[in-house]
Amino acid sequence: MSRRCELTGKGPMSGNNVSHANNKNKRRFLPNLNDVTLQSETLGRGFKMRITAAALRSVDHRGGLDAFLAKAKDTELSANALKIKKDIAKAQATA
C-alpha cells in the first residue's frame, strides 16, 4: 500500500533532522494518512479511501465528496478516485 493520498496526491517528502549542534541526518516526512469512508450523495453509497487529514478537511469545506471530486484535477486523483468521479458525473448527467 503506497503512502500517497488518493484525493490530493500528497506523498512522502525528504529533508534533514537538524540537531542542536547543527548536524544533519536525512529523514522522511510522511503524510498523515487515514482510512475513511466517504459518502456520495449522488450515488447513495460510501467509498473507503486512504486520504490525508488535510484532504478530509478540504472535502468537508467543499461540501462533500461529490463537490470535491467535481473540482479536483484528474492528474492528482488515484485510479480509484477517478473512477468514482466518472461514475458521479454519469449519474448527474442522467438525473
PDB file of N, CA and C in Angstrom:
ATOM      1  N   MET A   1       0.851  -1.176   0.000  1.00  0.00           N
ATOM      2  CA  MET A   1       0.000   0.000   0.000  1.00  0.00           C
ATOM      3  C   MET A   1       0.900   1.244   0.000  1.00  0.00           C
ATOM      4  N   SER A   2       0.700   2.104  -0.976  1.00  0.00           N
ATOM      5  CA  SER A   2       1.570   3.264  -1.085  1.00  0.00           C
ATOM      6  C   SER A   2       1.199   4.337  -0.070  1.00  0.00           C
ATOM      7  N   ARG A   3       2.167   5.147   0.283  1.00  0.00           N
ATOM      8  CA  ARG A   3       1.943   6.234   1.230  1.00  0.00           C
ATOM      9  C   ARG A   3       1.601   7.493   0.440  1.00  0.00           C
ATOM     10  N   ARG A   4       0.479   7.465  -0.255  1.00  0.00           N
ATOM     11  CA  ARG A   4       0.057   8.573  -1.096  1.00  0.00           C
ATOM     12  C   ARG A   4      -1.439   8.796  -0.914  1.00  0.00           C
ATOM     13  N   CYS A   5      -1.831  10.060  -0.805  1.00  0.00           N
ATOM     14  CA  CYS A   5      -3.243  10.401  -0.645  1.00  0.00           C
ATOM     15  C   CYS A   5      -3.974  10.149  -1.955  1.00  0.00           C
ATOM     16  N   GLU A   6      -5.159   9.531  -1.878  1.00  0.00           N
ATOM     17  CA  GLU A   6      -5.922   9.212  -3.080  1.00  0.00           C
ATOM     18  C   GLU A   6      -6.595  10.431  -3.696  1.00  0.00           C
ATOM     19  N   LEU A   7      -6.815  11.485  -2.926  1.00  0.00           N
ATOM     20  CA  LEU A   7      -7.515  12.658  -3.442  1.00  0.00           C
ATOM     21  C   LEU A   7      -6.585  13.803  -3.827  1.00  0.00           C
ATOM     22  N   THR A   8      -5.538  14.032  -3.052  1.00  0.00           N
ATOM     23  CA  THR A   8      -4.659  15.170  -3.327  1.00  0.00           C
ATOM     24  C   THR A   8      -3.327  14.771  -3.945  1.00  0.00           C
ATOM     25  N   GLY A   9      -2.963  13.502  -3.856  1.00  0.00           N
ATOM     26  CA  GLY A   9      -1.698  13.051  -4.413  1.00  0.00           C
ATOM     27  C   GLY A   9      -0.490  13.337  -3.545  1.00  0.00           C
ATOM     28  N   LYS A  10      -0.701  13.807  -2.307  1.00  0.00           N
ATOM     29  CA  LYS A  10       0.424  14.084  -1.409  1.00  0.00           C
ATOM     30  C   LYS A  10       1.140  12.786  -1.066  1.00  0.00           C
ATOM     31  N   GLY A  11       2.476  12.839  -1.069  1.00  0.00           N
ATOM     32  CA  GLY A  11       3.286  11.676  -0.748  1.00  0.00           C
ATOM     33  C   GLY A  11       4.406  12.040   0.197  1.00  0.00           C
ATOM     34  N   PRO A  12       5.316  11.096   0.462  1.00  0.00           N
ATOM     35  CA  PRO A  12       6.433  11.381   1.358  1.00  0.00           C
ATOM     36  C   PRO A  12       7.365  12.440   0.773  1.00  0.00           C
ATOM     37  N   MET A  13       7.925  13.260   1.672  1.00  0.00           N
ATOM     38  CA  MET A  13       8.934  14.244   1.293  1.00  0.00           C
ATOM     39  C   MET A  13      10.209  13.927   2.062  1.00  0.00           C
ATOM     40  N   SER A  14      11.335  14.418   1.573  1.00  0.00           N
ATOM     41  CA  SER A  14      12.587  14.181   2.276  1.00  0.00           C
ATOM     42  C   SER A  14      13.146  15.492   2.792  1.00  0.00           C
ATOM     43  N   GLY A  15      13.964  15.369   3.837  1.00  0.00           N
ATOM     44  CA  GLY A  15      14.560  16.548   4.432  1.00  0.00           C
ATOM     45  C   GLY A  15      15.652  16.125   5.405  1.00  0.00           C
ATOM     46  N   ASN A  16      15.965  16.995   6.334  1.00  0.00           N
ATOM     47  CA  ASN A  16      17.019  16.729   7.290  1.00  0.00           C
ATOM     48  C   ASN A  16      16.519  16.848   8.718  1.00  0.00           C
ATOM     49  N   ASN A  17      17.017  15.960   9.612  1.00  0.00           N
ATOM     50  CA  ASN A  17      16.952  16.177  11.045  1.00  0.00           C
ATOM     51  C   ASN A  17      18.136  17.069  11.375  1.00  0.00           C
ATOM     52  N   VAL A  18      17.902  18.176  12.041  1.00  0.00           N
ATOM     53  CA  VAL A  18      18.989  19.086  12.385  1.00  0.00           C
ATOM     54  C   VAL A  18      19.103  19.127  13.902  1.00  0.00           C
ATOM     55  N   SER A  19      20.268  18.745  14.406  1.00  0.00           N
ATOM     56  CA  SER A  19      20.490  18.700  15.851  1.00  0.00           C
ATOM     57  C   SER A  19      20.869  20.088  16.369  1.00  0.00           C
ATOM     58  N   HIS A  20      20.983  20.178  17.680  1.00  0.00           N
ATOM     59  CA  HIS A  20      21.380  21.438  18.307  1.00  0.00           C
ATOM     60  C   HIS A  20      22.788  21.843  17.862  1.00  0.00           C
ATOM     61  N   ALA A  21      23.631  20.834  17.579  1.00  0.00           N
ATOM     62  CA  ALA A  21      24.986  21.090  17.101  1.00  0.00           C
ATOM     63  C   ALA A  21      25.037  21.292  15.588  1.00  0.00           C
ATOM     64  N   ASN A  22      23.873  21.398  14.974  1.00  0.00           N
ATOM     65  CA  ASN A  22      23.707  21.626  13.529  1.00  0.00           C
ATOM     66  C   ASN A  22      24.198  20.449  12.687  1.00  0.00           C
ATOM     67  N   ASN A  23      24.167  19.222  13.271  1.00  0.00           N
ATOM     68  CA  ASN A  23      24.430  18.016  12.491  1.00  0.00           C
ATOM     69  C   ASN A  23      23.179  17.680  11.701  1.00  0.00           C
ATOM     70  N   LYS A  24      23.369  17.238  10.458  1.00  0.00           N
ATOM     71  CA  LYS A  24      22.219  16.964   9.599  1.00  0.00           C
ATOM     72  C   LYS A  24      22.183  15.486   9.219  1.00  0.00           C
ATOM     73  N   ASN A  25      21.035  14.845   9.447  1.00  0.00           N
ATOM     74  CA  ASN A  25      20.789  13.461   9.045  1.00  0.00           C
ATOM     75  C   ASN A  25      19.558  13.444   8.157  1.00  0.00           C
ATOM     76  N   LYS A  26      19.589  12.639   7.099  1.00  0.00           N
ATOM     77  CA  LYS A  26      18.441  12.538   6.198  1.00  0.00           C
ATOM     78  C   LYS A  26      17.259  11.891   6.915  1.00  0.00           C
ATOM     79  N   ARG A  27      16.056  12.350   6.589  1.00  0.00           N
ATOM     80  CA  ARG A  27      14.834  11.772   7.145  1.00  0.00           C
ATOM     81  C   ARG A  27      13.706  11.920   6.138  1.00  0.00           C
ATOM     82  N   ARG A  28      12.592  11.254   6.417  1.00  0.00           N
ATOM     83  CA  ARG A  28      11.407  11.340   5.556  1.00  0.00           C
ATOM     84  C   ARG A  28      10.266  11.959   6.340  1.00  0.00           C
ATOM     85  N   PHE A  29       9.516  12.834   5.678  1.00  0.00           N
ATOM     86  CA  PHE A  29       8.296  13.398   6.231  1.00  0.00           C
ATOM     87  C   PHE A  29       7.142  12.651   5.575  1.00  0.00           C
ATOM     88  N   LEU A  30       6.416  11.842   6.353  1.00  0.00           N
ATOM     89  CA  LEU A  30       5.314  11.050   5.806  1.00  0.00           C
ATOM     90  C   LEU A  30       3.997  11.801   5.960  1.00  0.00           C
ATOM     91  N   PRO A  31       3.096  11.671   4.984  1.00  0.00           N
ATOM     92  CA  PRO A  31       1.795  12.338   5.103  1.00  0.00           C
ATOM     93  C   PRO A  31       0.936  11.666   6.170  1.00  0.00           C
ATOM     94  N   ASN A  32       0.027  12.442   6.768  1.00  0.00           N
ATOM     95  CA  ASN A  32      -0.856  11.947   7.825  1.00  0.00           C
ATOM     96  C   ASN A  32      -2.052  11.252   7.168  1.00  0.00           C
ATOM     97  N   LEU A  33      -1.884   9.979   6.823  1.00  0.00           N
ATOM     98  CA  LEU A  33      -2.923   9.227   6.106  1.00  0.00           C
ATOM     99  C   LEU A  33      -3.901   8.569   7.074  1.00  0.00           C
ATOM    100  N   ASN A  34      -5.184   8.617   6.701  1.00  0.00           N
ATOM    101  CA  ASN A  34      -6.248   7.993   7.491  1.00  0.00           C
ATOM    102  C   ASN A  34      -7.142   7.180   6.570  1.00  0.00           C
ATOM    103  N   ASP A  35      -7.605   6.032   7.068  1.00  0.00           N
ATOM    104  CA  ASP A  35      -8.578   5.224   6.335  1.00  0.00           C
ATOM    105  C   ASP A  35      -9.970   5.718   6.702  1.00  0.00           C
ATOM    106  N   VAL A  36     -10.692   6.246   5.723  1.00  0.00           N
ATOM    107  CA  VAL A  36     -12.020   6.802   5.978  1.00  0.00           C
ATOM    108  C   VAL A  36     -13.005   6.273   4.943  1.00  0.00           C
ATOM    109  N   THR A  37     -14.281   6.342   5.286  1.00  0.00           N
ATOM    110  CA  THR A  37     -15.357   6.036   4.348  1.00  0.00           C
ATOM    111  C   THR A  37     -16.099   7.331   4.059  1.00  0.00           C
ATOM    112  N   LEU A  38     -16.069   7.760   2.802  1.00  0.00           N
ATOM    113  CA  LEU A  38     -16.725   9.000   2.392  1.00  0.00           C
ATOM    114  C   LEU A  38     -18.017   8.664   1.657  1.00  0.00           C
ATOM    115  N   GLN A  39     -19.089   9.386   1.987  1.00  0.00           N
ATOM    116  CA  GLN A  39     -20.401   9.136   1.400  1.00  0.00           C
ATOM    117  C   GLN A  39     -20.605  10.003   0.161  1.00  0.00           C
ATOM    118  N   SER A  40     -21.140   9.408  -0.892  1.00  0.00           N
ATOM    119  CA  SER A  40     -21.509  10.142  -2.096  1.00  0.00           C
ATOM    120  C   SER A  40     -23.023  10.321  -2.094  1.00  0.00           C
ATOM    121  N   GLU A  41     -23.476  11.583  -2.150  1.00  0.00           N
ATOM    122  CA  GLU A  41     -24.913  11.845  -2.150  1.00  0.00           C
ATOM    123  C   GLU A  41     -25.548  11.416  -3.474  1.00  0.00           C
ATOM    124  N   THR A  42     -24.846  11.609  -4.563  1.00  0.00           N
ATOM    125  CA  THR A  42     -25.377  11.275  -5.888  1.00  0.00           C
ATOM    126  C   THR A  42     -25.551   9.776  -6.064  1.00  0.00           C
ATOM    127  N   LEU A  43     -24.532   9.008  -5.684  1.00  0.00           N
ATOM    128  CA  LEU A  43     -24.587   7.556  -5.856  1.00  0.00           C
ATOM    129  C   LEU A  43     -25.254   6.857  -4.681  1.00  0.00           C
ATOM    130  N   GLY A  44     -25.355   7.537  -3.556  1.00  0.00           N
ATOM    131  CA  GLY A  44     -26.042   6.976  -2.397  1.00  0.00           C
ATOM    132  C   GLY A  44     -25.306   5.847  -1.702  1.00  0.00           C
ATOM    133  N   ARG A  45     -23.990   5.875  -1.733  1.00  0.00           N
ATOM    134  CA  ARG A  45     -23.225   4.840  -1.040  1.00  0.00           C
ATOM    135  C   ARG A  45     -21.876   5.394  -0.614  1.00  0.00           C
ATOM    136  N   GLY A  46     -21.171   4.630   0.224  1.00  0.00           N
ATOM    137  CA  GLY A  46     -19.885   5.062   0.755  1.00  0.00           C
ATOM    138  C   GLY A  46     -18.724   4.432   0.012  1.00  0.00           C
ATOM    139  N   PHE A  47     -17.581   5.119   0.057  1.00  0.00           N
ATOM    140  CA  PHE A  47     -16.362   4.637  -0.575  1.00  0.00           C
ATOM    141  C   PHE A  47     -15.231   4.699   0.435  1.00  0.00           C
ATOM    142  N   LYS A  48     -14.502   3.583   0.604  1.00  0.00           N
ATOM    143  CA  LYS A  48     -13.357   3.548   1.508  1.00  0.00           C
ATOM    144  C   LYS A  48     -12.150   4.100   0.765  1.00  0.00           C
ATOM    145  N   MET A  49     -11.485   5.063   1.411  1.00  0.00           N
ATOM    146  CA  MET A  49     -10.308   5.688   0.808  1.00  0.00           C
ATOM    147  C   MET A  49      -9.244   5.899   1.865  1.00  0.00           C
ATOM    148  N   ARG A  50      -8.017   6.081   1.410  1.00  0.00           N
ATOM    149  CA  ARG A  50      -6.889   6.394   2.288  1.00  0.00           C
ATOM    150  C   ARG A  50      -6.435   7.804   1.926  1.00  0.00           C
ATOM    151  N   ILE A  51      -6.834   8.776   2.746  1.00  0.00           N
ATOM    152  CA  ILE A  51      -6.561  10.179   2.435  1.00  0.00           C
ATOM    153  C   ILE A  51      -5.890  10.878   3.612  1.00  0.00           C
ATOM    154  N   THR A  52      -5.301  12.030   3.351  1.00  0.00           N
ATOM    155  CA  THR A  52      -4.661  12.806   4.402  1.00  0.00           C
ATOM    156  C   THR A  52      -5.712  13.555   5.213  1.00  0.00           C
ATOM    157  N   ALA A  53      -5.305  13.975   6.407  1.00  0.00           N
ATOM    158  CA  ALA A  53      -6.195  14.761   7.263  1.00  0.00           C
ATOM    159  C   ALA A  53      -6.540  16.084   6.594  1.00  0.00           C
ATOM    160  N   ALA A  54      -5.593  16.680   5.871  1.00  0.00           N
ATOM    161  CA  ALA A  54      -5.837  17.935   5.168  1.00  0.00           C
ATOM    162  C   ALA A  54      -6.869  17.743   4.056  1.00  0.00           C
ATOM    163  N   ALA A  55      -6.815  16.613   3.360  1.00  0.00           N
ATOM    164  CA  ALA A  55      -7.791  16.330   2.305  1.00  0.00           C
ATOM    165  C   ALA A  55      -9.182  16.128   2.896  1.00  0.00           C
ATOM    166  N   LEU A  56      -9.254  15.511   4.072  1.00  0.00           N
ATOM    167  CA  LEU A  56     -10.541  15.312   4.733  1.00  0.00           C
ATOM    168  C   LEU A  56     -11.180  16.651   5.088  1.00  0.00           C
ATOM    169  N   ARG A  57     -10.368  17.601   5.561  1.00  0.00           N
ATOM    170  CA  ARG A  57     -10.883  18.940   5.854  1.00  0.00           C
ATOM    171  C   ARG A  57     -11.323  19.637   4.569  1.00  0.00           C
ATOM    172  N   SER A  58     -10.600  19.433   3.481  1.00  0.00           N
ATOM    173  CA  SER A  58     -10.961  20.050   2.202  1.00  0.00           C
ATOM    174  C   SER A  58     -12.279  19.487   1.675  1.00  0.00           C
ATOM    175  N   VAL A  59     -12.487  18.186   1.843  1.00  0.00           N
ATOM    176  CA  VAL A  59     -13.748  17.566   1.420  1.00  0.00           C
ATOM    177  C   VAL A  59     -14.919  18.173   2.199  1.00  0.00           C
ATOM    178  N   ASP A  60     -14.748  18.328   3.520  1.00  0.00           N
ATOM    179  CA  ASP A  60     -15.796  18.944   4.338  1.00  0.00           C
ATOM    180  C   ASP A  60     -16.033  20.391   3.931  1.00  0.00           C
ATOM    181  N   HIS A  61     -14.961  21.122   3.650  1.00  0.00           N
ATOM    182  CA  HIS A  61     -15.075  22.536   3.307  1.00  0.00           C
ATOM    183  C   HIS A  61     -15.803  22.739   1.976  1.00  0.00           C
ATOM    184  N   ARG A  62     -15.551  21.858   1.024  1.00  0.00           N
ATOM    185  CA  ARG A  62     -16.183  21.995  -0.298  1.00  0.00           C
ATOM    186  C   ARG A  62     -17.601  21.453  -0.343  1.00  0.00           C
ATOM    187  N   GLY A  63     -18.036  20.782   0.709  1.00  0.00           N
ATOM    188  CA  GLY A  63     -19.423  20.326   0.749  1.00  0.00           C
ATOM    189  C   GLY A  63     -19.632  18.872   0.404  1.00  0.00           C
ATOM    190  N   GLY A  64     -18.642  18.038   0.624  1.00  0.00           N
ATOM    191  CA  GLY A  64     -18.803  16.612   0.411  1.00  0.00           C
ATOM    192  C   GLY A  64     -17.929  16.073  -0.708  1.00  0.00           C
ATOM    193  N   LEU A  65     -17.969  14.751  -0.847  1.00  0.00           N
ATOM    194  CA  LEU A  65     -17.123  14.061  -1.816  1.00  0.00           C
ATOM    195  C   LEU A  65     -17.461  14.458  -3.251  1.00  0.00           C
ATOM    196  N   ASP A  66     -18.755  14.570  -3.559  1.00  0.00           N
ATOM    197  CA  ASP A  66     -19.166  14.889  -4.933  1.00  0.00           C
ATOM    198  C   ASP A  66     -18.631  16.252  -5.368  1.00  0.00           C
ATOM    199  N   ALA A  67     -18.763  17.244  -4.518  1.00  0.00           N
ATOM    200  CA  ALA A  67     -18.292  18.593  -4.849  1.00  0.00           C
ATOM    201  C   ALA A  67     -16.771  18.636  -4.941  1.00  0.00           C
ATOM    202  N   PHE A  68     -16.090  17.901  -4.061  1.00  0.00           N
ATOM    203  CA  PHE A  68     -14.623  17.888  -4.093  1.00  0.00           C
ATOM    204  C   PHE A  68     -14.123  17.278  -5.394  1.00  0.00           C
ATOM    205  N   LEU A  69     -14.693  16.133  -5.784  1.00  0.00           N
ATOM    206  CA  LEU A  69     -14.231  15.460  -6.992  1.00  0.00           C
ATOM    207  C   LEU A  69     -14.562  16.255  -8.245  1.00  0.00           C
ATOM    208  N   ALA A  70     -15.656  17.014  -8.224  1.00  0.00           N
ATOM    209  CA  ALA A  70     -16.023  17.820  -9.393  1.00  0.00           C
ATOM    210  C   ALA A  70     -14.964  18.880  -9.674  1.00  0.00           C
ATOM    211  N   LYS A  71     -14.361  19.442  -8.603  1.00  0.00           N
ATOM    212  CA  LYS A  71     -13.350  20.492  -8.772  1.00  0.00           C
ATOM    213  C   LYS A  71     -11.931  19.952  -8.889  1.00  0.00           C
ATOM    214  N   ALA A  72     -11.695  18.706  -8.498  1.00  0.00           N
ATOM    215  CA  ALA A  72     -10.335  18.157  -8.439  1.00  0.00           C
ATOM    216  C   ALA A  72      -9.781  17.911  -9.839  1.00  0.00           C
ATOM    217  N   LYS A  73      -8.461  18.070  -9.956  1.00  0.00           N
ATOM    218  CA  LYS A  73      -7.769  17.792 -11.213  1.00  0.00           C
ATOM    219  C   LYS A  73      -7.587  16.286 -11.361  1.00  0.00           C
ATOM    220  N   ASP A  74      -7.759  15.788 -12.575  1.00  0.00           N
ATOM    221  CA  ASP A  74      -7.646  14.355 -12.828  1.00  0.00           C
ATOM    222  C   ASP A  74      -6.230  13.838 -12.589  1.00  0.00           C
ATOM    223  N   THR A  75      -5.217  14.682 -12.765  1.00  0.00           N
ATOM    224  CA  THR A  75      -3.836  14.233 -12.592  1.00  0.00           C
ATOM    225  C   THR A  75      -3.495  13.951 -11.136  1.00  0.00           C
ATOM    226  N   GLU A  76      -4.182  14.612 -10.189  1.00  0.00           N
ATOM    227  CA  GLU A  76      -3.905  14.404  -8.768  1.00  0.00           C
ATOM    228  C   GLU A  76      -4.619  13.186  -8.204  1.00  0.00           C
ATOM    229  N   LEU A  77      -5.708  12.759  -8.826  1.00  0.00           N
ATOM    230  CA  LEU A  77      -6.537  11.681  -8.276  1.00  0.00           C
ATOM    231  C   LEU A  77      -5.945  10.313  -8.570  1.00  0.00           C
ATOM    232  N   SER A  78      -6.200   9.364  -7.678  1.00  0.00           N
ATOM    233  CA  SER A  78      -5.804   7.976  -7.912  1.00  0.00           C
ATOM    234  C   SER A  78      -6.770   7.349  -8.914  1.00  0.00           C
ATOM    235  N   ALA A  79      -6.456   6.151  -9.356  1.00  0.00           N
ATOM    236  CA  ALA A  79      -7.312   5.456 -10.328  1.00  0.00           C
ATOM    237  C   ALA A  79      -8.691   5.184  -9.728  1.00  0.00           C
ATOM    238  N   ASN A  80      -8.725   4.818  -8.448  1.00  0.00           N
ATOM    239  CA  ASN A  80      -9.983   4.551  -7.759  1.00  0.00           C
ATOM    240  C   ASN A  80     -10.842   5.822  -7.672  1.00  0.00           C
ATOM    241  N   ALA A  81     -10.224   6.938  -7.287  1.00  0.00           N
ATOM    242  CA  ALA A  81     -10.959   8.199  -7.166  1.00  0.00           C
ATOM    243  C   ALA A  81     -11.423   8.703  -8.525  1.00  0.00           C
ATOM    244  N   LEU A  82     -10.623   8.477  -9.562  1.00  0.00           N
ATOM    245  CA  LEU A  82     -11.002   8.895 -10.908  1.00  0.00           C
ATOM    246  C   LEU A  82     -12.227   8.118 -11.399  1.00  0.00           C
ATOM    247  N   LYS A  83     -12.294   6.834 -11.073  1.00  0.00           N
ATOM    248  CA  LYS A  83     -13.451   6.016 -11.440  1.00  0.00           C
ATOM    249  C   LYS A  83     -14.707   6.510 -10.723  1.00  0.00           C
ATOM    250  N   ILE A  84     -14.574   6.858  -9.437  1.00  0.00           N
ATOM    251  CA  ILE A  84     -15.706   7.384  -8.668  1.00  0.00           C
ATOM    252  C   ILE A  84     -16.168   8.705  -9.270  1.00  0.00           C
ATOM    253  N   LYS A  85     -15.223   9.554  -9.660  1.00  0.00           N
ATOM    254  CA  LYS A  85     -15.556  10.856 -10.253  1.00  0.00           C
ATOM    255  C   LYS A  85     -16.362  10.670 -11.544  1.00  0.00           C
ATOM    256  N   LYS A  86     -15.943   9.719 -12.371  1.00  0.00           N
ATOM    257  CA  LYS A  86     -16.654   9.473 -13.632  1.00  0.00           C
ATOM    258  C   LYS A  86     -18.043   8.893 -13.379  1.00  0.00           C
ATOM    259  N   ASP A  87     -18.178   8.021 -12.385  1.00  0.00           N
ATOM    260  CA  ASP A  87     -19.484   7.458 -12.038  1.00  0.00           C
ATOM    261  C   ASP A  87     -20.436   8.545 -11.537  1.00  0.00           C
ATOM    262  N   ILE A  88     -19.918   9.480 -10.737  1.00  0.00           N
ATOM    263  CA  ILE A  88     -20.742  10.579 -10.224  1.00  0.00           C
ATOM    264  C   ILE A  88     -21.187  11.481 -11.362  1.00  0.00           C
ATOM    265  N   ALA A  89     -20.264  11.791 -12.280  1.00  0.00           N
ATOM    266  CA  ALA A  89     -20.603  12.654 -13.427  1.00  0.00           C
ATOM    267  C   ALA A  89     -21.660  12.006 -14.297  1.00  0.00           C
ATOM    268  N   LYS A  90     -21.543  10.680 -14.494  1.00  0.00           N
ATOM    269  CA  LYS A  90     -22.524   9.967 -15.305  1.00  0.00           C
ATOM    270  C   LYS A  90     -23.895   9.961 -14.644  1.00  0.00           C
ATOM    271  N   ALA A  91     -23.924   9.748 -13.319  1.00  0.00           N
ATOM    272  CA  ALA A  91     -25.190   9.711 -12.586  1.00  0.00           C
ATOM    273  C   ALA A  91     -25.858  11.094 -12.583  1.00  0.00           C
ATOM    274  N   GLN A  92     -25.056  12.159 -12.499  1.00  0.00           N
ATOM    275  CA  GLN A  92     -25.621  13.519 -12.502  1.00  0.00           C
ATOM    276  C   GLN A  92     -26.136  13.891 -13.889  1.00  0.00           C
ATOM    277  N   ALA A  93     -25.507  13.364 -14.947  1.00  0.00           N
ATOM    278  CA  ALA A  93     -25.950  13.677 -16.305  1.00  0.00           C
ATOM    279  C   ALA A  93     -27.283  13.006 -16.615  1.00  0.00           C
ATOM    280  N   THR A  94     -27.491  11.791 -16.084  1.00  0.00           N
ATOM    281  CA  THR A  94     -28.749  11.087 -16.366  1.00  0.00           C
ATOM    282  C   THR A  94     -29.887  11.585 -15.485  1.00  0.00           C
ATOM    283  N   ALA A  95     -29.554  12.167 -14.331  1.00  0.00           N
ATOM    284  CA  ALA A  95     -30.602  12.627 -13.409  1.00  0.00           C
ATOM    285  C   ALA A  95     -31.143  13.990 -13.796  1.00  0.00           C
TER     286      ALA A  95
END
